[in-house]
Amino acid sequence: MPHKLKNILARVPSDIDIAQAATPIPVNTIAAEAGILPDELELYGKYKAKVHLSLRDRLKDVPNLVCSAHVGGLSHESIRRMTVSATDSVLAVLAGEIPATVINPDVLRTNRARSAS
């Protein structure tokens, strides 16, 4: 039998409610604050951009940075591959291993050593 939620304080807003309530910040402002150089950024209007892969290599030793690829395709195959890759990464982390897709494993080892002490 399903459990019924009790004491619901407020409804969870929809995606569109959240988007309409947000005040967008120009992406070049966010990029500048994050240390992304103008030539590493490809603008698609005022609020959307892509970063060049060279950024990943330049910032690979930053200890508190996580770079995550965005899969832009919506084909069944791309969604399946993205799901398998993400699941493999999560399972590796849960097993105490470093995921195969991590490009800077030394940073993870350093952070793990710090967390353990």
C-alpha atoms as a PDB file:
ATOM      1  CA  MET A   1       0.000   0.000   0.000  1.00  0.00           C
ATOM      2  CA  PRO A   2       1.477   3.404  -0.940  1.00  0.00           C
ATOM      3  CA  HIS A   3       2.363   5.752   1.881  1.00  0.00           C
ATOM      4  CA  LYS A   4       0.625   9.090   2.010  1.00  0.00           C
ATOM      5  CA  LEU A   5       2.719  12.199   2.656  1.00  0.00           C
ATOM      6  CA  LYS A   6       1.781  14.103   5.791  1.00  0.00           C
ATOM      7  CA  ASN A   7       2.368  17.701   6.822  1.00  0.00           C
ATOM      8  CA  ILE A   8       3.077  19.024   3.355  1.00  0.00           C
ATOM      9  CA  LEU A   9       4.088  22.637   3.907  1.00  0.00           C
ATOM     10  CA  ALA A  10       4.158  23.879   0.334  1.00  0.00           C
ATOM     11  CA  ARG A  11       3.917  22.499  -3.141  1.00  0.00           C
ATOM     12  CA  VAL A  12       7.125  21.985  -5.056  1.00  0.00           C
ATOM     13  CA  PRO A  13       7.262  24.595  -7.823  1.00  0.00           C
ATOM     14  CA  SER A  14       7.288  23.424 -11.414  1.00  0.00           C
ATOM     15  CA  ASP A  15      10.296  23.880 -13.692  1.00  0.00           C
ATOM     16  CA  ILE A  16       8.542  26.721 -15.501  1.00  0.00           C
ATOM     17  CA  ASP A  17       7.704  28.464 -12.191  1.00  0.00           C
ATOM     18  CA  ILE A  18      11.360  28.273 -11.156  1.00  0.00           C
ATOM     19  CA  ALA A  19      12.569  29.515 -14.554  1.00  0.00           C
ATOM     20  CA  GLN A  20      10.155  32.454 -14.578  1.00  0.00           C
ATOM     21  CA  ALA A  21      11.133  33.469 -11.033  1.00  0.00           C
ATOM     22  CA  ALA A  22      14.854  33.449 -11.788  1.00  0.00           C
ATOM     23  CA  THR A  23      16.836  36.533 -12.717  1.00  0.00           C
ATOM     24  CA  PRO A  24      19.323  35.371 -15.342  1.00  0.00           C
ATOM     25  CA  ILE A  25      22.947  36.456 -15.129  1.00  0.00           C
ATOM     26  CA  PRO A  26      24.821  36.960 -18.406  1.00  0.00           C
ATOM     27  CA  VAL A  27      26.951  33.897 -19.048  1.00  0.00           C
ATOM     28  CA  ASN A  28      30.051  35.970 -19.798  1.00  0.00           C
ATOM     29  CA  THR A  29      29.798  37.440 -16.266  1.00  0.00           C
ATOM     30  CA  ILE A  30      29.625  33.962 -14.743  1.00  0.00           C
ATOM     31  CA  ALA A  31      32.478  32.792 -16.985  1.00  0.00           C
ATOM     32  CA  ALA A  32      34.711  35.710 -15.966  1.00  0.00           C
ATOM     33  CA  GLU A  33      34.057  35.026 -12.263  1.00  0.00           C
ATOM     34  CA  ALA A  34      34.924  31.342 -12.814  1.00  0.00           C
ATOM     35  CA  GLY A  35      38.214  32.168 -14.529  1.00  0.00           C
ATOM     36  CA  ILE A  36      37.110  31.158 -18.012  1.00  0.00           C
ATOM     37  CA  LEU A  37      38.988  33.156 -20.623  1.00  0.00           C
ATOM     38  CA  PRO A  38      36.974  34.911 -23.367  1.00  0.00           C
ATOM     39  CA  ASP A  39      38.560  32.780 -26.111  1.00  0.00           C
ATOM     40  CA  GLU A  40      37.496  29.603 -24.267  1.00  0.00           C
ATOM     41  CA  LEU A  41      33.840  30.613 -24.442  1.00  0.00           C
ATOM     42  CA  GLU A  42      31.487  30.294 -27.401  1.00  0.00           C
ATOM     43  CA  LEU A  43      28.441  32.460 -26.769  1.00  0.00           C
ATOM     44  CA  TYR A  44      24.964  31.491 -27.952  1.00  0.00           C
ATOM     45  CA  GLY A  45      23.158  34.679 -27.030  1.00  0.00           C
ATOM     46  CA  LYS A  46      23.408  36.452 -23.681  1.00  0.00           C
ATOM     47  CA  TYR A  47      22.629  33.555 -21.319  1.00  0.00           C
ATOM     48  CA  LYS A  48      23.950  30.433 -23.016  1.00  0.00           C
ATOM     49  CA  ALA A  49      27.426  29.312 -24.056  1.00  0.00           C
ATOM     50  CA  LYS A  50      29.698  26.372 -24.645  1.00  0.00           C
ATOM     51  CA  VAL A  51      33.245  26.139 -23.365  1.00  0.00           C
ATOM     52  CA  HIS A  52      36.123  24.742 -25.370  1.00  0.00           C
ATOM     53  CA  LEU A  53      37.669  21.445 -24.268  1.00  0.00           C
ATOM     54  CA  SER A  54      40.985  23.231 -23.774  1.00  0.00           C
ATOM     55  CA  LEU A  55      39.457  24.650 -20.585  1.00  0.00           C
ATOM     56  CA  ARG A  56      39.211  21.151 -19.124  1.00  0.00           C
ATOM     57  CA  ASP A  57      42.929  20.620 -19.613  1.00  0.00           C
ATOM     58  CA  ARG A  58      43.867  24.079 -18.312  1.00  0.00           C
ATOM     59  CA  LEU A  59      41.864  23.653 -15.099  1.00  0.00           C
ATOM     60  CA  LYS A  60      42.425  19.922 -14.471  1.00  0.00           C
ATOM     61  CA  ASP A  61      44.507  20.551 -11.313  1.00  0.00           C
ATOM     62  CA  VAL A  62      41.945  22.783  -9.598  1.00  0.00           C
ATOM     63  CA  PRO A  63      41.048  20.753  -6.481  1.00  0.00           C
ATOM     64  CA  ASN A  64      37.422  21.883  -6.097  1.00  0.00           C
ATOM     65  CA  LEU A  65      36.339  21.767  -9.739  1.00  0.00           C
ATOM     66  CA  VAL A  66      34.205  19.117 -11.382  1.00  0.00           C
ATOM     67  CA  CYS A  67      33.907  19.178 -15.174  1.00  0.00           C
ATOM     68  CA  SER A  68      30.927  17.356 -16.569  1.00  0.00           C
ATOM     69  CA  ALA A  69      30.198  16.840 -20.228  1.00  0.00           C
ATOM     70  CA  HIS A  70      26.784  17.755 -21.535  1.00  0.00           C
ATOM     71  CA  VAL A  71      25.341  15.327 -24.033  1.00  0.00           C
ATOM     72  CA  GLY A  72      23.370  17.430 -26.470  1.00  0.00           C
ATOM     73  CA  GLY A  73      21.908  14.593 -28.504  1.00  0.00           C
ATOM     74  CA  LEU A  74      18.471  13.255 -27.781  1.00  0.00           C
ATOM     75  CA  SER A  75      18.664  10.049 -29.745  1.00  0.00           C
ATOM     76  CA  HIS A  76      17.840   6.806 -27.985  1.00  0.00           C
ATOM     77  CA  GLU A  77      21.445   5.682 -28.435  1.00  0.00           C
ATOM     78  CA  SER A  78      22.963   8.853 -26.945  1.00  0.00           C
ATOM     79  CA  ILE A  79      20.618   8.685 -23.959  1.00  0.00           C
ATOM     80  CA  ARG A  80      21.472   5.012 -23.440  1.00  0.00           C
ATOM     81  CA  ARG A  81      25.230   5.694 -23.628  1.00  0.00           C
ATOM     82  CA  MET A  82      24.936   8.668 -21.268  1.00  0.00           C
ATOM     83  CA  THR A  83      22.919   6.574 -18.796  1.00  0.00           C
ATOM     84  CA  VAL A  84      25.385   3.677 -18.915  1.00  0.00           C
ATOM     85  CA  SER A  85      28.377   6.007 -18.493  1.00  0.00           C
ATOM     86  CA  ALA A  86      26.825   7.876 -15.565  1.00  0.00           C
ATOM     87  CA  THR A  87      25.782   4.615 -13.886  1.00  0.00           C
ATOM     88  CA  ASP A  88      29.254   3.125 -14.331  1.00  0.00           C
ATOM     89  CA  SER A  89      30.782   6.254 -12.773  1.00  0.00           C
ATOM     90  CA  VAL A  90      28.443   6.197  -9.775  1.00  0.00           C
ATOM     91  CA  LEU A  91      29.048   2.477  -9.205  1.00  0.00           C
ATOM     92  CA  ALA A  92      32.814   3.027  -9.359  1.00  0.00           C
ATOM     93  CA  VAL A  93      32.635   5.799  -6.752  1.00  0.00           C
ATOM     94  CA  LEU A  94      30.428   3.679  -4.481  1.00  0.00           C
ATOM     95  CA  ALA A  95      32.964   0.851  -4.788  1.00  0.00           C
ATOM     96  CA  GLY A  96      35.738   3.219  -3.706  1.00  0.00           C
ATOM     97  CA  GLU A  97      37.233   3.353  -7.190  1.00  0.00           C
ATOM     98  CA  ILE A  98      37.969   6.257  -9.496  1.00  0.00           C
ATOM     99  CA  PRO A  99      35.665   6.339 -12.533  1.00  0.00           C
ATOM    100  CA  ALA A 100      37.339   5.614 -15.869  1.00  0.00           C
ATOM    101  CA  THR A 101      36.158   8.944 -17.303  1.00  0.00           C
ATOM    102  CA  VAL A 102      37.952  11.116 -14.722  1.00  0.00           C
ATOM    103  CA  ILE A 103      40.732  13.074 -16.402  1.00  0.00           C
ATOM    104  CA  ASN A 104      42.446  14.235 -13.200  1.00  0.00           C
ATOM    105  CA  PRO A 105      42.489  11.237 -10.830  1.00  0.00           C
ATOM    106  CA  ASP A 106      45.295  12.758  -8.744  1.00  0.00           C
ATOM    107  CA  VAL A 107      42.902  15.466  -7.560  1.00  0.00           C
ATOM    108  CA  LEU A 108      40.428  12.824  -6.364  1.00  0.00           C
ATOM    109  CA  ARG A 109      43.180  10.920  -4.557  1.00  0.00           C
ATOM    110  CA  THR A 110      44.318  14.138  -2.840  1.00  0.00           C
ATOM    111  CA  ASN A 111      40.784  15.024  -1.752  1.00  0.00           C
ATOM    112  CA  ARG A 112      40.143  11.483  -0.502  1.00  0.00           C
ATOM    113  CA  ALA A 113      43.357  11.566   1.540  1.00  0.00           C
ATOM    114  CA  ARG A 114      42.341  14.916   3.048  1.00  0.00           C
ATOM    115  CA  SER A 115      38.855  13.621   3.878  1.00  0.00           C
ATOM    116  CA  ALA A 116      40.249  10.513   5.551  1.00  0.00           C
ATOM    117  CA  SER A 117      42.499  12.472   7.920  1.00  0.00           C
END
